[in-house]
């Protein structure tokens, strides 16, 4: 994969992940449960390693990194 194609794929996937993350929050407007994947991942990381302070930012970072990795596969 060329460098140009790689970065286009990464940027496209980040935009798609952001769009899907925002859509998860909009679900409350449709009277559905909102989906906050970053918060769920942060809670799971804190449960697995209770001595380490994971934040919502870490959960969202992992969420977006997973999306980019899946796009590369």
N, C-alpha and C. Protein backbone atom coordinates (compact mmCIF):
# COMPACT_ATOMS: atom_id res chain seq x y z
N UNK A 1 0.85 -1.16 0.00
CA UNK A 1 0.00 0.00 0.00
C UNK A 1 0.90 1.23 0.00
N UNK A 2 0.62 2.14 -0.91
CA UNK A 2 1.43 3.35 -1.00
C UNK A 2 1.11 4.29 0.17
N UNK A 3 2.04 5.20 0.42
CA UNK A 3 1.87 6.14 1.53
C UNK A 3 0.65 7.02 1.36
N UNK A 4 0.40 7.47 0.13
CA UNK A 4 -0.75 8.33 -0.14
C UNK A 4 -2.06 7.59 0.12
N UNK A 5 -2.13 6.36 -0.33
CA UNK A 5 -3.34 5.56 -0.13
C UNK A 5 -3.54 5.24 1.35
N UNK A 6 -2.45 4.98 2.05
CA UNK A 6 -2.52 4.70 3.47
C UNK A 6 -3.16 5.86 4.22
N UNK A 7 -2.67 7.09 4.00
CA UNK A 7 -3.18 8.24 4.73
C UNK A 7 -4.61 8.58 4.33
N UNK A 8 -4.96 8.35 3.07
CA UNK A 8 -6.36 8.56 2.66
C UNK A 8 -7.28 7.59 3.39
N UNK A 9 -6.83 6.35 3.55
CA UNK A 9 -7.61 5.34 4.26
C UNK A 9 -7.76 5.72 5.73
N UNK A 10 -6.68 6.16 6.36
CA UNK A 10 -6.73 6.55 7.77
C UNK A 10 -7.68 7.73 7.97
N UNK A 11 -7.57 8.75 7.14
CA UNK A 11 -8.43 9.93 7.29
C UNK A 11 -9.89 9.57 7.03
N UNK A 12 -10.15 8.77 6.00
CA UNK A 12 -11.53 8.36 5.71
C UNK A 12 -12.12 7.58 6.87
N UNK A 13 -11.34 6.70 7.46
CA UNK A 13 -11.85 5.90 8.58
C UNK A 13 -12.07 6.76 9.82
N UNK A 14 -11.21 7.72 10.08
CA UNK A 14 -11.41 8.61 11.22
C UNK A 14 -12.69 9.43 11.06
N UNK A 15 -12.95 9.90 9.85
CA UNK A 15 -14.19 10.64 9.59
C UNK A 15 -15.40 9.72 9.79
N UNK A 16 -15.31 8.50 9.31
CA UNK A 16 -16.40 7.54 9.48
C UNK A 16 -16.62 7.20 10.95
N UNK A 17 -15.54 7.02 11.70
CA UNK A 17 -15.67 6.70 13.13
C UNK A 17 -16.29 7.87 13.88
N UNK A 18 -15.90 9.10 13.55
CA UNK A 18 -16.48 10.26 14.20
C UNK A 18 -17.97 10.35 13.90
N UNK A 19 -18.34 10.11 12.65
CA UNK A 19 -19.75 10.16 12.26
C UNK A 19 -20.56 9.11 13.01
N UNK A 20 -20.06 7.92 13.12
CA UNK A 20 -20.78 6.86 13.82
C UNK A 20 -20.83 7.13 15.32
N UNK A 21 -19.79 7.73 15.88
CA UNK A 21 -19.79 8.07 17.30
C UNK A 21 -20.86 9.12 17.59
N UNK A 22 -20.94 10.14 16.76
CA UNK A 22 -21.96 11.18 16.94
C UNK A 22 -23.36 10.59 16.76
N UNK A 23 -23.52 9.69 15.79
CA UNK A 23 -24.81 9.04 15.58
C UNK A 23 -25.23 8.24 16.81
N UNK A 24 -24.28 7.64 17.50
CA UNK A 24 -24.59 6.91 18.73
C UNK A 24 -25.15 7.82 19.80
N UNK A 25 -24.69 9.05 19.86
CA UNK A 25 -25.22 10.02 20.82
C UNK A 25 -26.59 10.54 20.39
N UNK A 26 -26.84 10.64 19.10
CA UNK A 26 -28.12 11.14 18.60
C UNK A 26 -29.25 10.16 18.83
N UNK A 27 -28.94 8.93 19.15
CA UNK A 27 -29.99 7.93 19.35
C UNK A 27 -30.92 8.31 20.49
N UNK A 28 -30.46 9.09 21.44
CA UNK A 28 -31.33 9.49 22.53
C UNK A 28 -32.47 10.37 22.01
N UNK A 29 -32.27 11.10 20.92
CA UNK A 29 -33.33 11.89 20.31
C UNK A 29 -34.41 11.03 19.69
N UNK A 30 -34.08 9.78 19.40
CA UNK A 30 -35.06 8.84 18.85
C UNK A 30 -35.64 7.94 19.93
N UNK A 31 -35.40 8.32 21.19
CA UNK A 31 -35.84 7.57 22.36
C UNK A 31 -35.22 6.18 22.43
N UNK A 32 -34.00 6.07 21.92
CA UNK A 32 -33.21 4.85 22.04
C UNK A 32 -32.10 5.12 23.04
N UNK A 33 -31.51 4.07 23.55
CA UNK A 33 -30.38 4.24 24.46
C UNK A 33 -29.18 4.75 23.68
N UNK A 34 -28.56 5.84 24.14
CA UNK A 34 -27.35 6.31 23.45
C UNK A 34 -26.21 5.32 23.62
N UNK A 35 -25.36 5.25 22.62
CA UNK A 35 -24.23 4.31 22.64
C UNK A 35 -22.94 5.12 22.74
N UNK A 36 -22.25 5.01 23.87
CA UNK A 36 -20.97 5.68 24.07
C UNK A 36 -19.89 4.61 24.17
N UNK A 37 -19.34 4.25 23.01
CA UNK A 37 -18.36 3.17 22.96
C UNK A 37 -17.09 3.54 23.72
N UNK A 38 -16.69 4.80 23.66
CA UNK A 38 -15.48 5.23 24.38
C UNK A 38 -15.62 5.04 25.87
N UNK A 39 -16.79 5.38 26.42
CA UNK A 39 -17.02 5.20 27.86
C UNK A 39 -17.06 3.72 28.22
N UNK A 40 -17.67 2.90 27.36
CA UNK A 40 -17.70 1.46 27.63
C UNK A 40 -16.29 0.87 27.65
N UNK A 41 -15.45 1.29 26.70
CA UNK A 41 -14.07 0.78 26.67
C UNK A 41 -13.28 1.26 27.88
N UNK A 42 -13.49 2.52 28.29
CA UNK A 42 -12.78 3.04 29.47
C UNK A 42 -13.18 2.27 30.72
N UNK A 43 -14.47 1.96 30.87
CA UNK A 43 -14.92 1.17 32.03
C UNK A 43 -14.30 -0.21 32.01
N UNK A 44 -14.24 -0.85 30.84
CA UNK A 44 -13.64 -2.18 30.74
C UNK A 44 -12.15 -2.15 31.06
N UNK A 45 -11.46 -1.10 30.61
CA UNK A 45 -10.03 -1.00 30.91
C UNK A 45 -9.81 -0.77 32.40
N UNK A 46 -10.68 0.03 33.04
CA UNK A 46 -10.55 0.26 34.48
C UNK A 46 -10.88 -1.01 35.27
N UNK A 47 -11.81 -1.81 34.77
CA UNK A 47 -12.15 -3.06 35.46
C UNK A 47 -11.00 -4.06 35.35
N UNK A 48 -10.32 -4.07 34.21
CA UNK A 48 -9.21 -5.01 34.01
C UNK A 48 -7.96 -4.58 34.77
N UNK A 49 -7.76 -3.28 34.90
CA UNK A 49 -6.58 -2.75 35.58
C UNK A 49 -7.02 -1.66 36.55
N UNK A 50 -7.52 -2.03 37.72
CA UNK A 50 -8.08 -1.02 38.63
C UNK A 50 -7.06 -0.03 39.20
N UNK A 51 -5.78 -0.36 39.15
CA UNK A 51 -4.76 0.53 39.70
C UNK A 51 -4.35 1.65 38.73
N UNK A 52 -4.75 1.53 37.47
CA UNK A 52 -4.36 2.52 36.47
C UNK A 52 -5.52 3.45 36.17
N UNK A 53 -5.28 4.75 36.10
CA UNK A 53 -6.37 5.71 35.86
C UNK A 53 -6.67 5.89 34.37
N UNK A 54 -7.62 5.14 33.85
CA UNK A 54 -8.04 5.31 32.46
C UNK A 54 -9.15 6.34 32.42
N UNK A 55 -9.15 7.18 31.41
CA UNK A 55 -10.16 8.22 31.29
C UNK A 55 -11.00 7.99 30.05
N UNK A 56 -11.98 8.85 29.88
CA UNK A 56 -12.82 8.79 28.69
C UNK A 56 -12.00 9.04 27.43
N UNK A 57 -10.98 9.87 27.55
CA UNK A 57 -10.12 10.14 26.39
C UNK A 57 -9.39 8.87 25.97
N UNK A 58 -8.94 8.08 26.92
CA UNK A 58 -8.26 6.82 26.58
C UNK A 58 -9.22 5.85 25.91
N UNK A 59 -10.45 5.79 26.39
CA UNK A 59 -11.45 4.91 25.79
C UNK A 59 -11.76 5.31 24.36
N UNK A 60 -11.89 6.62 24.11
CA UNK A 60 -12.14 7.08 22.75
C UNK A 60 -10.93 6.89 21.85
N UNK A 61 -9.74 7.04 22.39
CA UNK A 61 -8.53 6.80 21.61
C UNK A 61 -8.46 5.35 21.15
N UNK A 62 -8.77 4.43 22.05
CA UNK A 62 -8.78 3.00 21.69
C UNK A 62 -9.88 2.72 20.67
N UNK A 63 -11.04 3.35 20.84
CA UNK A 63 -12.15 3.16 19.91
C UNK A 63 -11.76 3.58 18.49
N UNK A 64 -11.14 4.75 18.37
CA UNK A 64 -10.74 5.23 17.05
C UNK A 64 -9.58 4.43 16.49
N UNK A 65 -8.66 4.00 17.34
CA UNK A 65 -7.54 3.18 16.88
C UNK A 65 -8.03 1.83 16.36
N UNK A 66 -9.01 1.24 17.04
CA UNK A 66 -9.59 -0.02 16.55
C UNK A 66 -10.21 0.17 15.18
N UNK A 67 -10.90 1.28 14.98
CA UNK A 67 -11.52 1.55 13.69
C UNK A 67 -10.50 1.65 12.58
N UNK A 68 -9.38 2.33 12.84
CA UNK A 68 -8.34 2.48 11.82
C UNK A 68 -7.67 1.13 11.54
N UNK A 69 -7.42 0.35 12.58
CA UNK A 69 -6.79 -0.97 12.40
C UNK A 69 -7.69 -1.88 11.58
N UNK A 70 -8.97 -1.86 11.87
CA UNK A 70 -9.91 -2.69 11.10
C UNK A 70 -9.94 -2.25 9.64
N UNK A 71 -9.87 -0.95 9.38
CA UNK A 71 -9.83 -0.46 8.00
C UNK A 71 -8.59 -0.94 7.28
N UNK A 72 -7.46 -1.04 8.00
CA UNK A 72 -6.23 -1.49 7.36
C UNK A 72 -6.27 -2.98 7.01
N UNK A 73 -7.01 -3.74 7.80
CA UNK A 73 -7.10 -5.17 7.53
C UNK A 73 -7.92 -5.39 6.28
